[in-house]
Amino acid sequence: MTQNASEFWAGAAQQFQLSVNEGWSKALQSFQSMSAIAEAKASIPTQTPEIRFDPEKVQALQRQYLEESMGLFKNDGSASIGSDRRFSNAAWAGNPVAAYTAAVYLLNARTLMGLAEAVQADEKTRNRVRFAVEQWAAASAPSNFLALNAEAQKKAIDTKGESIAKGVQNLIHDMRQGHVSMTDESLFEVGKNVATTEGAVVFQNEYFQLIEYKPLTAKVYERPFLMVPPCINKFYILDLQPANSVVRYAVEQGQHTFVVSWRNPDESMAQATWDDYIENAVIKAIEVTREICGVPTINALGFCVGGTMLSTALGVLAARGEKPVNSATLLTTFVDFCDTGVLDVFIDEAFVRYREKEMGQGGIMKGQDLASTFSFLRPNDLVWNYVVGNYLKGETPPPFDLLYWNADGTNLPGPWYAWYLRNTYLENNLVKPGKATVCGVKVDLTKVDVPFYIYGSREDHIVPIVGSYASTQAFKGKRRFVMGASGHIAGVINPPANKKRSHWIRADGKLPPTQAEWMEGAVEHPGSWWGDWSLWLKGHAGKLVAAPKTYGKGKYKALEAAPGSYVKVKV
């Protein structure tokens, strides 16, 4: 190893440490300067995290970097671009300067990620360094800049500048609407070509509207079926279009189906708490569904945060000695927040205290902020891909109902959000018997004695599969776990007719302590998991009875046609 190379790497490591320290210091200065959180200063670390490197890993990186650097001098760089789709267009390989720029970027990005992996620190610091480097690497790609993007330059020449003019128009449009367009939103309208399953709103309060759907079969199962979607999104992820609607599928299977449609909070709901949502929304929806159908128990489903809220409600009801739910389905749901994946980089005592001080007693968590956070968990796919397409190449993204829903965000009440952060992500209180007090009672999920169908997605980056599986250990009743392919949304919205994405089941029904152990006995099955779930649900739905001919019953009347008015309120 030459002296110059050693000096270079020593300087690179030193600069890496200084950059991390500088960024951390600036974050702390900004954090501490906010008057709203002055009282939280005692919980803020006063020293920057100490970053050291594994010497063996650094030496290996040195050798690899020098070898690959020398290799770039021997060709124009095109051979080093590899399969990275950001540089897959022929325009990159056909432009030696652009190919070399992309190859150098990829080499530097790999090396920085290698340095991040060589960091010797506690696990949270390592994850934060890794996340910061990933964000930097994604943002600094030459494909993100017109002056360096060979594909965008070629398109500008081929279109005689039209692509640039269109890109400017797209940029202005997105600045006005407040977010980057992921699809052509002008082609969708809630109630017209998304959220179209026929039904009616049969109850509403300040928290939600309850939608009852029109049966599509002459007979329905006597025990009605209630869906609780996440309140951080709109319910129609479960009712996009007829071909991929979970709601319509359930109705076609003979389930008398109800869905909670959350109100999009404004300042009038700035004081709403987690307890308010559990008592006045989830438990209320269970009660109204039972009264309309005249039955002692119902079946229920919770998706994502909706599943966490449903589980909490079941814990509250169990503490009260009540059992109005006969079975529960949890889709990509955290109950045990033991492994929260990449989201853990944001959560610590200082951050939670900041949010509690900012909005714990009242306020609104803006939907745009939530959407940005989730998008930057996958920056190349959900941010920079659209920046390049929309603005540099002047393209209009194709119509995609799921991405239209993704952009149709919702706010959250500050007290609800603050309680959720502390009691789930930070302290994981829901799975500690008696630790969390909700609606005046201590929650013990081991007392929730109902059958559970628990689904997790293998590539889920929001609720990692390990976290989904952990729900199987939180309850004591009969449980069935199924794993599907793909991610948080695409894995769930996977209708059987598409014949896509396999799923895994253990025939022996055993639920060992870890997901890795469960996988050892799991068998892969082609296609959607919906059919397996439908058979399970029917087994808990009771006998078939004549389908109702009208909406509601008694004091519960049809108030307006589905999908209702709450879902149409924009942030």
Protein backbone atom coordinates (compact mmCIF):
# COMPACT_ATOMS: atom_id res chain seq x y z
CA MET A 1 0.00 0.00 0.00
CA THR A 2 1.55 3.31 -1.00
CA GLN A 3 2.04 6.15 1.46
CA ASN A 4 -0.22 8.40 -0.63
CA ALA A 5 -3.02 5.84 -0.58
CA SER A 6 -2.70 5.43 3.17
CA GLU A 7 -2.86 9.17 3.64
CA PHE A 8 -5.90 9.34 1.35
CA TRP A 9 -7.77 6.73 3.37
CA ALA A 10 -6.79 8.25 6.69
CA GLY A 11 -8.13 11.56 5.43
CA ALA A 12 -11.30 9.93 4.12
CA ALA A 13 -12.01 8.27 7.46
CA GLN A 14 -11.31 11.52 9.31
CA GLN A 15 -13.59 13.46 6.97
CA PHE A 16 -16.33 10.84 7.43
CA GLN A 17 -16.10 11.28 11.22
CA LEU A 18 -16.07 15.08 10.94
CA SER A 19 -19.09 15.07 8.61
CA VAL A 20 -21.11 12.87 10.94
CA ASN A 21 -20.11 14.96 13.95
CA GLU A 22 -20.88 18.22 12.18
CA GLY A 23 -24.28 17.01 11.04
CA TRP A 24 -25.09 15.70 14.51
CA SER A 25 -23.97 18.96 16.14
CA LYS A 26 -26.05 21.09 13.80
CA ALA A 27 -29.08 18.89 14.41
CA LEU A 28 -28.62 19.25 18.16
CA GLN A 29 -28.17 23.03 17.90
CA SER A 30 -31.37 23.36 15.89
CA PHE A 31 -33.15 20.99 18.21
CA GLN A 32 -32.06 22.83 21.35
CA SER A 33 -32.82 26.27 19.95
CA MET A 34 -36.53 25.57 19.59
CA SER A 35 -38.31 27.27 22.47
CA ALA A 36 -41.12 24.72 22.34
CA ILE A 37 -38.79 21.98 23.57
CA ALA A 38 -36.54 23.90 25.93
CA GLU A 39 -37.72 21.75 28.83
CA ALA A 40 -36.68 18.60 26.98
CA LYS A 41 -32.99 19.59 26.81
CA ALA A 42 -32.09 17.34 29.70
CA SER A 43 -32.98 14.31 27.59
CA ILE A 44 -30.89 15.37 24.59
CA PRO A 45 -27.40 13.88 24.31
CA THR A 46 -24.77 16.58 24.77
CA GLN A 47 -22.02 14.77 22.87
CA THR A 48 -21.85 13.68 19.30
CA PRO A 49 -21.77 9.91 18.78
CA GLU A 50 -18.23 8.56 18.64
CA ILE A 51 -17.50 6.91 15.31
CA ARG A 52 -14.71 4.39 15.00
CA PHE A 53 -13.97 1.93 12.23
CA ASP A 54 -13.13 -1.74 12.06
CA PRO A 55 -9.48 -1.66 10.86
CA GLU A 56 -9.71 -4.92 8.90
CA LYS A 57 -12.83 -3.79 7.05
CA VAL A 58 -11.25 -0.43 6.25
CA GLN A 59 -8.10 -2.08 4.88
CA ALA A 60 -10.23 -4.36 2.71
CA LEU A 61 -12.13 -1.32 1.45
CA GLN A 62 -8.84 0.42 0.66
CA ARG A 63 -7.66 -2.47 -1.48
CA GLN A 64 -10.99 -2.83 -3.24
CA TYR A 65 -11.30 0.89 -3.90
CA LEU A 66 -7.80 1.15 -5.43
CA GLU A 67 -8.34 -1.93 -7.57
CA GLU A 68 -11.68 -0.70 -8.91
CA SER A 69 -10.35 2.84 -9.38
CA MET A 70 -7.53 1.52 -11.55
CA GLY A 71 -10.05 -0.54 -13.48
CA LEU A 72 -12.02 2.59 -14.38
CA PHE A 73 -8.96 4.05 -16.08
CA LYS A 74 -8.77 1.03 -18.37
CA ASN A 75 -12.24 1.47 -19.86
CA ASP A 76 -14.82 4.20 -20.37
CA GLY A 77 -16.79 3.19 -17.31
CA SER A 78 -19.71 1.56 -19.11
CA ALA A 79 -18.65 -1.89 -17.98
CA SER A 80 -18.75 -0.71 -14.36
CA ILE A 81 -22.32 0.61 -14.42
CA GLY A 82 -23.70 -2.88 -14.07
CA SER A 83 -27.44 -3.45 -13.78
CA ASP A 84 -28.31 -0.26 -11.87
CA ARG A 85 -31.56 0.79 -13.53
CA ARG A 86 -30.82 4.50 -13.04
CA PHE A 87 -28.10 4.11 -15.69
CA SER A 88 -29.58 1.28 -17.76
CA ASN A 89 -30.62 3.43 -20.74
CA ALA A 90 -28.31 3.11 -23.74
CA ALA A 91 -27.62 6.86 -23.62
CA TRP A 92 -25.40 6.34 -20.57
CA ALA A 93 -23.25 3.63 -22.14
CA GLY A 94 -23.12 5.58 -25.40
CA ASN A 95 -21.66 8.66 -23.71
CA PRO A 96 -18.15 7.95 -22.35
CA VAL A 97 -18.16 10.95 -20.02
CA ALA A 98 -21.57 10.09 -18.61
CA ALA A 99 -20.62 6.41 -18.25
CA TYR A 100 -17.45 7.30 -16.39
CA THR A 101 -19.33 9.75 -14.12
CA ALA A 102 -21.89 7.07 -13.26
CA ALA A 103 -19.19 4.47 -12.63
CA VAL A 104 -17.26 6.80 -10.30
CA TYR A 105 -20.45 7.64 -8.44
CA LEU A 106 -21.32 3.96 -7.96
CA LEU A 107 -17.80 3.20 -6.75
CA ASN A 108 -17.85 6.08 -4.27
CA ALA A 109 -21.36 5.18 -3.07
CA ARG A 110 -20.35 1.55 -2.51
CA THR A 111 -17.23 2.66 -0.66
CA LEU A 112 -19.14 5.03 1.61
CA MET A 113 -21.66 2.29 2.36
CA GLY A 114 -18.71 0.04 3.14
CA LEU A 115 -17.40 2.65 5.57
CA ALA A 116 -20.84 2.82 7.16
CA GLU A 117 -20.78 -0.96 7.61
CA ALA A 118 -17.30 -0.69 9.16
CA VAL A 119 -18.49 1.71 11.87
CA GLN A 120 -17.92 0.42 15.39
CA ALA A 121 -20.69 1.82 17.59
CA ASP A 122 -23.97 0.80 19.19
CA GLU A 123 -26.59 -0.66 16.84
CA LYS A 124 -28.81 2.42 16.70
CA THR A 125 -25.86 4.69 15.81
CA ARG A 126 -24.75 2.22 13.14
CA ASN A 127 -28.27 2.17 11.67
CA ARG A 128 -28.46 5.96 11.69
CA VAL A 129 -25.10 6.30 9.95
CA ARG A 130 -26.15 3.72 7.39
CA PHE A 131 -29.48 5.49 6.80
CA ALA A 132 -27.77 8.90 6.43
CA VAL A 133 -25.27 7.53 3.91
CA GLU A 134 -28.05 5.84 1.94
CA GLN A 135 -29.96 9.12 1.77
CA TRP A 136 -26.86 11.02 0.65
CA ALA A 137 -25.99 8.42 -1.95
CA ALA A 138 -29.51 8.42 -3.37
CA ALA A 139 -29.70 12.22 -3.53
CA SER A 140 -26.26 12.73 -5.09
CA ALA A 141 -26.65 10.31 -8.02
CA PRO A 142 -25.68 11.96 -11.33
CA SER A 143 -28.99 10.78 -12.77
CA ASN A 144 -30.72 13.37 -10.56
CA PHE A 145 -29.11 16.33 -12.34
CA LEU A 146 -29.83 17.49 -15.88
CA ALA A 147 -26.19 18.52 -16.42
CA LEU A 148 -25.09 14.93 -15.75
CA ASN A 149 -28.04 12.82 -16.93
CA ALA A 150 -27.20 11.55 -20.41
CA GLU A 151 -30.66 10.08 -20.95
CA ALA A 152 -32.44 13.35 -20.12
CA GLN A 153 -30.01 15.31 -22.31
CA LYS A 154 -30.60 13.01 -25.26
CA LYS A 155 -34.35 13.29 -24.82
CA ALA A 156 -34.10 17.08 -24.72
CA ILE A 157 -32.20 17.02 -28.01
CA ASP A 158 -34.55 14.50 -29.63
CA THR A 159 -37.64 16.52 -28.61
CA LYS A 160 -36.01 19.87 -29.45
CA GLY A 161 -36.38 21.05 -25.87
CA GLU A 162 -40.00 20.00 -25.45
CA SER A 163 -39.11 17.58 -22.63
CA ILE A 164 -37.47 20.39 -20.67
CA ALA A 165 -40.47 22.67 -21.12
CA LYS A 166 -42.79 19.88 -20.01
CA GLY A 167 -40.51 19.16 -17.04
CA VAL A 168 -40.76 22.78 -15.90
CA GLN A 169 -44.55 22.58 -16.19
CA ASN A 170 -44.53 19.39 -14.10
CA LEU A 171 -42.32 21.04 -11.49
CA ILE A 172 -44.61 24.05 -11.17
CA HIS A 173 -47.65 21.77 -10.95
CA ASP A 174 -46.09 19.68 -8.18
CA MET A 175 -44.98 22.75 -6.24
CA ARG A 176 -48.56 23.98 -6.27
CA GLN A 177 -50.01 20.67 -5.10
CA GLY A 178 -47.33 20.23 -2.45
CA HIS A 179 -45.89 16.84 -3.39
CA VAL A 180 -44.11 14.98 -6.17
CA SER A 181 -46.57 13.32 -8.55
CA MET A 182 -46.23 9.53 -8.65
CA THR A 183 -49.14 9.04 -11.02
CA ASP A 184 -51.46 11.14 -13.14
CA GLU A 185 -53.82 12.12 -10.35
CA SER A 186 -56.19 13.90 -12.73
CA LEU A 187 -57.38 10.51 -13.99
CA PHE A 188 -58.78 9.37 -10.63
CA GLU A 189 -61.74 10.45 -8.54
CA VAL A 190 -62.85 8.87 -5.27
CA GLY A 191 -66.29 7.35 -5.74
CA LYS A 192 -66.01 7.44 -9.52
CA ASN A 193 -63.18 5.06 -10.45
CA VAL A 194 -61.70 4.23 -7.03
CA ALA A 195 -63.73 3.30 -3.94
CA THR A 196 -66.68 2.25 -6.10
CA THR A 197 -68.13 -0.78 -4.28
CA GLU A 198 -71.84 -0.07 -3.73
CA GLY A 199 -72.90 0.73 -0.18
CA ALA A 200 -74.07 3.43 2.19
CA VAL A 201 -72.91 5.32 5.26
CA VAL A 202 -75.08 4.08 8.15
CA PHE A 203 -73.41 5.88 11.06
CA GLN A 204 -71.03 8.76 11.64
CA ASN A 205 -69.52 10.75 14.47
CA GLU A 206 -66.62 13.17 14.66
CA TYR A 207 -64.10 10.34 14.21
CA PHE A 208 -65.40 8.10 11.45
CA GLN A 209 -68.16 7.09 9.08
CA LEU A 210 -69.31 3.47 9.06
CA ILE A 211 -70.02 2.11 5.58
CA GLU A 212 -72.27 -0.91 5.04
CA TYR A 213 -71.85 -2.60 1.65
CA LYS A 214 -74.63 -4.00 -0.49
CA PRO A 215 -74.60 -7.82 -0.59
CA LEU A 216 -73.75 -9.40 -3.94
CA THR A 217 -75.08 -12.83 -2.94
CA ALA A 218 -78.60 -14.01 -2.08
CA LYS A 219 -77.37 -15.18 1.31
CA VAL A 220 -74.72 -13.83 3.63
CA TYR A 221 -73.01 -15.23 6.69
CA GLU A 222 -74.90 -14.35 9.86
CA ARG A 223 -71.85 -12.90 11.61
CA PRO A 224 -70.98 -9.54 9.97
CA PHE A 225 -67.45 -8.56 9.01
CA LEU A 226 -65.91 -5.19 10.03
CA MET A 227 -62.72 -3.78 8.50
CA VAL A 228 -60.59 -1.25 10.40
CA PRO A 229 -58.08 0.38 8.02
CA PRO A 230 -55.16 2.53 9.18
CA CYS A 231 -56.15 6.07 10.17
CA ILE A 232 -52.87 7.37 8.74
CA ASN A 233 -54.28 6.60 5.28
CA LYS A 234 -57.69 6.55 3.62
CA PHE A 235 -59.78 3.39 3.74
CA TYR A 236 -60.04 2.86 0.00
CA ILE A 237 -56.70 1.06 -0.16
CA LEU A 238 -59.09 -1.81 0.60
CA ASP A 239 -61.43 -0.77 -2.23
CA LEU A 240 -59.35 0.56 -5.12
CA GLN A 241 -61.08 -0.83 -8.23
CA PRO A 242 -63.35 -3.87 -8.63
CA ALA A 243 -60.55 -6.14 -9.82
CA ASN A 244 -58.31 -5.49 -6.80
CA SER A 245 -60.78 -4.57 -4.06
CA VAL A 246 -60.53 -6.48 -0.78
CA VAL A 247 -63.95 -5.07 0.12
CA ARG A 248 -65.62 -6.33 -3.04
CA TYR A 249 -63.89 -9.71 -2.70
CA ALA A 250 -65.25 -10.12 0.84
CA VAL A 251 -68.75 -9.14 -0.30
CA GLU A 252 -68.57 -11.63 -3.18
CA GLN A 253 -67.64 -14.34 -0.68
CA GLY A 254 -70.90 -13.76 1.17
CA GLN A 255 -69.51 -11.61 3.97
CA HIS A 256 -71.88 -8.89 5.24
CA THR A 257 -69.19 -6.23 5.14
CA PHE A 258 -68.71 -2.96 7.01
CA VAL A 259 -65.73 -0.58 6.81
CA VAL A 260 -64.53 2.29 8.99
CA SER A 261 -63.86 5.44 6.95
CA TRP A 262 -61.76 7.78 9.06
CA ARG A 263 -62.35 11.50 9.23
CA ASN A 264 -59.39 13.55 7.98
CA PRO A 265 -58.52 15.54 11.14
CA ASP A 266 -58.48 19.33 11.16
CA GLU A 267 -57.92 21.79 14.00
CA SER A 268 -61.28 20.86 15.55
CA MET A 269 -59.75 17.44 16.35
CA ALA A 270 -56.43 18.76 17.61
CA GLN A 271 -57.14 17.41 21.14
CA ALA A 272 -58.15 13.88 20.08
CA THR A 273 -56.29 11.11 21.88
CA TRP A 274 -55.52 7.43 21.35
CA ASP A 275 -58.22 6.66 23.94
CA ASP A 276 -60.75 8.71 21.96
CA TYR A 277 -60.06 6.70 18.81
CA ILE A 278 -60.27 3.36 20.60
CA GLU A 279 -63.48 4.14 22.53
CA ASN A 280 -65.33 6.39 20.10
CA ALA A 281 -64.23 4.79 16.84
CA VAL A 282 -63.06 1.17 16.96
CA ILE A 283 -65.23 0.02 19.86
CA LYS A 284 -68.11 2.17 18.63
CA ALA A 285 -67.87 0.66 15.14
CA ILE A 286 -68.00 -2.85 16.65
CA GLU A 287 -71.05 -1.88 18.69
CA VAL A 288 -72.95 -0.32 15.77
CA THR A 289 -72.17 -3.24 13.45
CA ARG A 290 -73.53 -5.68 16.05
CA GLU A 291 -76.69 -3.62 16.59
CA ILE A 292 -77.44 -3.29 12.87
CA CYS A 293 -77.09 -7.03 12.34
CA GLY A 294 -78.68 -8.05 15.63
CA VAL A 295 -75.88 -10.43 16.60
CA PRO A 296 -73.81 -10.87 19.77
CA THR A 297 -70.45 -11.09 17.99
CA ILE A 298 -68.81 -10.02 14.73
CA ASN A 299 -65.61 -10.80 12.84
CA ALA A 300 -63.10 -7.98 12.45
CA LEU A 301 -60.01 -7.10 10.41
CA GLY A 302 -57.31 -4.54 11.11
CA PHE A 303 -54.76 -3.37 8.53
CA CYS A 304 -51.42 -1.83 9.63
CA VAL A 305 -52.11 0.77 12.36
CA GLY A 306 -55.76 -0.26 12.11
CA GLY A 307 -54.66 -3.67 13.32
CA THR A 308 -52.77 -2.14 16.25
CA MET A 309 -55.88 -0.15 17.16
CA LEU A 310 -58.15 -3.18 16.79
CA SER A 311 -55.84 -5.22 19.02
CA THR A 312 -55.85 -2.42 21.60
CA ALA A 313 -59.66 -2.28 21.49
CA LEU A 314 -59.86 -6.04 22.01
CA GLY A 315 -57.56 -5.66 25.01
CA VAL A 316 -59.80 -2.95 26.47
CA LEU A 317 -62.92 -5.03 25.90
CA ALA A 318 -61.28 -8.10 27.47
CA ALA A 319 -60.38 -6.03 30.56
CA ARG A 320 -64.05 -5.05 30.79
CA GLY A 321 -65.12 -8.68 30.56
CA GLU A 322 -66.66 -8.20 27.10
CA LYS A 323 -66.14 -10.33 23.98
CA PRO A 324 -68.07 -8.83 21.04
CA VAL A 325 -65.52 -9.99 18.43
CA ASN A 326 -65.53 -13.65 17.43
CA SER A 327 -62.35 -13.64 15.30
CA ALA A 328 -59.74 -11.11 14.18
CA THR A 329 -57.56 -10.72 11.10
CA LEU A 330 -54.35 -8.66 11.30
CA LEU A 331 -52.70 -7.57 8.05
CA THR A 332 -49.09 -6.28 8.18
CA THR A 333 -49.64 -5.15 11.74
CA PHE A 334 -47.37 -4.28 14.64
CA VAL A 335 -48.58 -5.45 18.02
CA ASP A 336 -45.14 -6.29 19.39
CA PHE A 337 -42.83 -3.46 18.28
CA CYS A 338 -39.70 -5.53 18.87
CA ASP A 339 -38.29 -4.99 15.37
CA THR A 340 -39.51 -1.83 13.65
CA GLY A 341 -36.93 -1.91 10.88
CA VAL A 342 -35.63 1.31 9.37
CA LEU A 343 -38.18 3.45 11.23
CA ASP A 344 -36.21 2.80 14.40
CA VAL A 345 -33.58 5.34 13.28
CA PHE A 346 -36.04 8.14 14.02
CA ILE A 347 -37.15 6.98 17.46
CA ASP A 348 -35.45 7.79 20.74
CA GLU A 349 -36.39 9.51 23.99
CA ALA A 350 -35.38 12.96 22.73
CA PHE A 351 -37.45 12.68 19.55
CA VAL A 352 -40.52 11.41 21.39
CA ARG A 353 -40.24 14.14 24.04
CA TYR A 354 -39.97 16.71 21.27
CA ARG A 355 -43.17 15.47 19.67
CA GLU A 356 -44.92 15.32 23.03
CA LYS A 357 -43.89 18.89 23.78
CA GLU A 358 -44.84 20.05 20.29
CA MET A 359 -48.26 18.42 19.98
CA GLY A 360 -48.91 16.04 22.86
CA GLN A 361 -51.46 18.42 24.40
CA GLY A 362 -52.96 19.52 21.10
CA GLY A 363 -52.02 19.99 17.48
CA ILE A 364 -52.05 18.30 14.09
CA MET A 365 -49.44 16.03 12.54
CA LYS A 366 -49.56 17.01 8.89
CA GLY A 367 -50.20 14.31 6.34
CA GLN A 368 -47.53 15.72 4.02
CA ASP A 369 -44.88 15.18 6.70
CA LEU A 370 -45.95 11.58 7.21
CA ALA A 371 -45.97 10.91 3.46
CA SER A 372 -42.47 12.37 3.04
CA THR A 373 -41.11 10.23 5.85
CA PHE A 374 -42.45 7.02 4.35
CA SER A 375 -41.31 7.96 0.83
CA PHE A 376 -37.72 8.56 1.95
CA LEU A 377 -37.58 5.08 3.44
CA ARG A 378 -37.17 4.04 -0.21
CA PRO A 379 -35.74 7.22 -1.77
CA ASN A 380 -34.71 5.84 -5.16
CA ASP A 381 -38.07 4.18 -5.83
CA LEU A 382 -40.45 6.70 -4.24
CA VAL A 383 -38.65 10.05 -4.62
CA TRP A 384 -35.78 10.40 -7.08
CA ASN A 385 -37.31 8.10 -9.68
CA TYR A 386 -40.19 10.57 -10.03
CA VAL A 387 -37.99 13.67 -9.79
CA VAL A 388 -36.00 12.43 -12.77
CA GLY A 389 -39.01 11.28 -14.78
CA ASN A 390 -41.27 14.25 -14.08
CA TYR A 391 -38.81 17.14 -14.19
CA LEU A 392 -35.68 16.09 -16.11
CA LYS A 393 -37.39 13.99 -18.77
CA GLY A 394 -40.75 15.78 -18.80
CA GLU A 395 -42.75 12.58 -18.48
CA THR A 396 -46.23 12.17 -17.07
CA PRO A 397 -46.25 9.15 -14.77
CA PRO A 398 -48.70 6.43 -15.87
CA PRO A 399 -52.07 6.00 -14.10
CA PHE A 400 -51.81 3.73 -11.07
CA ASP A 401 -54.62 3.55 -8.52
CA LEU A 402 -52.39 2.46 -5.66
CA LEU A 403 -50.05 5.44 -6.11
CA TYR A 404 -53.03 7.80 -6.37
CA TRP A 405 -54.17 6.50 -2.98
CA ASN A 406 -50.62 6.86 -1.65
CA ALA A 407 -50.65 10.58 -2.49
CA ASP A 408 -54.10 11.15 -0.95
CA GLY A 409 -52.82 11.69 2.56
CA THR A 410 -54.41 12.27 5.96
CA ASN A 411 -53.52 14.27 9.04
CA LEU A 412 -53.29 12.88 12.58
CA PRO A 413 -54.29 14.46 15.90
CA GLY A 414 -51.14 15.40 17.83
CA PRO A 415 -52.09 13.70 21.15
CA TRP A 416 -52.95 10.46 19.31
CA TYR A 417 -49.59 10.58 17.51
CA ALA A 418 -47.58 11.37 20.66
CA TRP A 419 -49.19 8.49 22.62
CA TYR A 420 -48.57 6.12 19.73
CA LEU A 421 -44.87 7.03 19.47
CA ARG A 422 -44.14 6.54 23.17
CA ASN A 423 -46.24 3.47 23.90
CA THR A 424 -45.45 1.51 20.78
CA TYR A 425 -42.24 2.41 18.92
CA LEU A 426 -40.32 3.68 21.95
CA GLU A 427 -41.49 1.59 24.92
CA ASN A 428 -43.39 -1.31 23.28
CA ASN A 429 -45.97 -1.23 26.05
CA LEU A 430 -48.86 -3.04 24.35
CA VAL A 431 -47.24 -6.47 24.78
CA LYS A 432 -46.33 -5.83 28.41
CA PRO A 433 -49.36 -7.05 30.41
CA GLY A 434 -50.84 -4.18 32.38
CA LYS A 435 -48.25 -1.63 31.26
CA ALA A 436 -50.46 0.40 28.90
CA THR A 437 -53.59 2.04 30.29
CA VAL A 438 -56.21 2.71 27.63
CA CYS A 439 -59.76 3.97 28.22
CA GLY A 440 -59.22 3.67 31.96
CA VAL A 441 -58.21 -0.01 32.02
CA LYS A 442 -54.88 -1.83 31.94
CA VAL A 443 -54.40 -3.71 28.68
CA ASP A 444 -53.32 -7.35 28.75
CA LEU A 445 -53.40 -8.85 25.26
CA THR A 446 -52.90 -12.35 26.64
CA LYS A 447 -56.49 -12.10 27.88
CA VAL A 448 -57.78 -11.61 24.30
CA ASP A 449 -59.08 -15.11 23.61
CA VAL A 450 -60.24 -15.10 19.98
CA PRO A 451 -58.90 -16.85 16.87
CA PHE A 452 -56.43 -14.73 14.88
CA TYR A 453 -55.45 -14.82 11.20
CA ILE A 454 -52.13 -12.96 11.00
CA TYR A 455 -50.60 -11.97 7.67
CA GLY A 456 -47.15 -10.48 7.00
CA SER A 457 -45.38 -9.45 3.77
CA ARG A 458 -41.88 -10.79 3.17
CA GLU A 459 -40.38 -7.55 1.75
CA ASP A 460 -42.33 -5.13 3.96
CA HIS A 461 -40.15 -2.11 4.83
CA ILE A 462 -42.74 -0.51 7.16
CA VAL A 463 -43.77 -3.56 9.19
CA PRO A 464 -40.88 -6.00 8.67
CA ILE A 465 -41.85 -9.63 8.46
CA VAL A 466 -40.20 -10.31 11.83
CA GLY A 467 -42.44 -7.65 13.37
CA SER A 468 -45.57 -9.07 11.73
CA TYR A 469 -44.73 -12.55 12.94
CA ALA A 470 -44.16 -11.31 16.49
CA SER A 471 -47.92 -10.73 16.74
CA THR A 472 -48.34 -14.50 16.85
CA GLN A 473 -46.61 -14.55 20.24
CA ALA A 474 -48.69 -11.71 21.74
CA PHE A 475 -51.97 -13.64 21.94
CA LYS A 476 -52.90 -16.97 23.47
CA GLY A 477 -55.88 -18.09 21.37
CA LYS A 478 -55.86 -20.08 18.13
CA ARG A 479 -53.66 -18.37 15.56
CA ARG A 480 -52.82 -18.87 11.90
CA PHE A 481 -49.87 -17.13 10.27
CA VAL A 482 -49.41 -16.65 6.53
CA MET A 483 -46.57 -14.86 4.77
CA GLY A 484 -46.99 -13.29 1.34
CA ALA A 485 -44.46 -12.08 -1.18
CA SER A 486 -43.80 -8.41 -1.95
CA GLY A 487 -44.20 -5.38 0.32
CA HIS A 488 -46.46 -3.56 2.75
CA ILE A 489 -49.21 -2.71 0.25
CA ALA A 490 -48.58 -4.82 -2.86
CA GLY A 491 -48.40 -7.97 -0.77
CA VAL A 492 -51.83 -7.28 0.73
CA ILE A 493 -53.57 -6.01 -2.41
CA ASN A 494 -53.01 -9.20 -4.38
CA PRO A 495 -56.28 -10.55 -5.80
CA PRO A 496 -56.42 -14.23 -6.80
CA ALA A 497 -57.36 -13.43 -10.41
CA ASN A 498 -53.92 -11.89 -10.98
CA LYS A 499 -52.22 -15.20 -10.17
CA LYS A 500 -49.22 -13.27 -8.85
CA ARG A 501 -46.98 -13.39 -5.79
CA SER A 502 -46.82 -16.64 -3.88
CA HIS A 503 -47.49 -17.15 -0.17
CA TRP A 504 -46.17 -19.44 2.55
CA ILE A 505 -48.09 -21.60 5.07
CA ARG A 506 -47.07 -24.17 7.67
CA ALA A 507 -49.31 -27.19 7.32
CA ASP A 508 -48.68 -28.25 10.92
CA GLY A 509 -49.90 -24.86 12.19
CA LYS A 510 -47.00 -24.55 14.63
CA LEU A 511 -45.91 -21.07 15.73
CA PRO A 512 -42.36 -21.26 17.11
CA PRO A 513 -40.86 -18.21 18.86
CA THR A 514 -39.24 -16.68 15.76
CA GLN A 515 -40.17 -16.14 12.13
CA ALA A 516 -36.93 -17.80 11.02
CA GLU A 517 -37.94 -20.98 12.86
CA TRP A 518 -41.44 -20.77 11.37
CA MET A 519 -39.95 -20.57 7.86
CA GLU A 520 -38.12 -23.87 8.37
CA GLY A 521 -41.46 -25.67 8.17
CA ALA A 522 -43.28 -23.34 5.78
CA VAL A 523 -44.29 -24.39 2.27
CA GLU A 524 -44.59 -21.99 -0.66
CA HIS A 525 -47.90 -21.88 -2.55
CA PRO A 526 -48.39 -20.03 -5.85
CA GLY A 527 -50.69 -17.03 -6.10
CA SER A 528 -52.64 -14.95 -3.62
CA TRP A 529 -53.25 -15.72 0.05
CA TRP A 530 -56.81 -14.32 -0.19
CA GLY A 531 -58.35 -17.76 -0.85
CA ASP A 532 -56.78 -19.26 2.27
CA TRP A 533 -57.97 -16.31 4.34
CA SER A 534 -61.50 -16.47 2.89
CA LEU A 535 -61.87 -20.14 3.87
CA TRP A 536 -60.60 -19.36 7.38
CA LEU A 537 -63.00 -16.44 7.75
CA LYS A 538 -65.98 -18.48 6.58
CA GLY A 539 -65.17 -21.00 9.28
CA HIS A 540 -65.83 -18.29 11.88
CA ALA A 541 -68.78 -16.58 10.19
CA GLY A 542 -71.67 -18.81 11.27
CA LYS A 543 -74.51 -20.05 9.08
CA LEU A 544 -75.86 -18.48 5.90
CA VAL A 545 -78.94 -16.28 6.19
CA ALA A 546 -80.97 -14.18 3.76
CA ALA A 547 -79.08 -11.07 2.68
CA PRO A 548 -80.55 -7.78 3.96
CA LYS A 549 -82.45 -5.75 1.39
CA THR A 550 -81.94 -2.36 3.00
CA TYR A 551 -79.07 -0.52 4.68
CA GLY A 552 -78.94 -0.09 8.43
CA LYS A 553 -81.59 -1.04 10.95
CA GLY A 554 -83.74 0.78 13.48
CA LYS A 555 -82.09 4.08 14.39
CA TYR A 556 -79.28 3.47 11.90
CA LYS A 557 -80.37 4.71 8.48
CA ALA A 558 -78.55 5.25 5.20
CA LEU A 559 -77.07 8.75 5.50
CA GLU A 560 -75.36 8.97 2.10
CA ALA A 561 -74.01 6.68 -0.59
CA ALA A 562 -70.62 5.05 -0.24
CA PRO A 563 -67.81 6.01 -0.14
CA GLY A 564 -69.22 8.85 1.98
CA SER A 565 -67.96 12.39 2.45
CA TYR A 566 -65.17 11.93 5.04
CA VAL A 567 -62.91 10.15 2.58
CA LYS A 568 -63.13 13.01 0.08
CA VAL A 569 -61.64 15.62 2.44
CA LYS A 570 -58.10 16.54 1.39
CA VAL A 571 -55.25 17.45 3.74
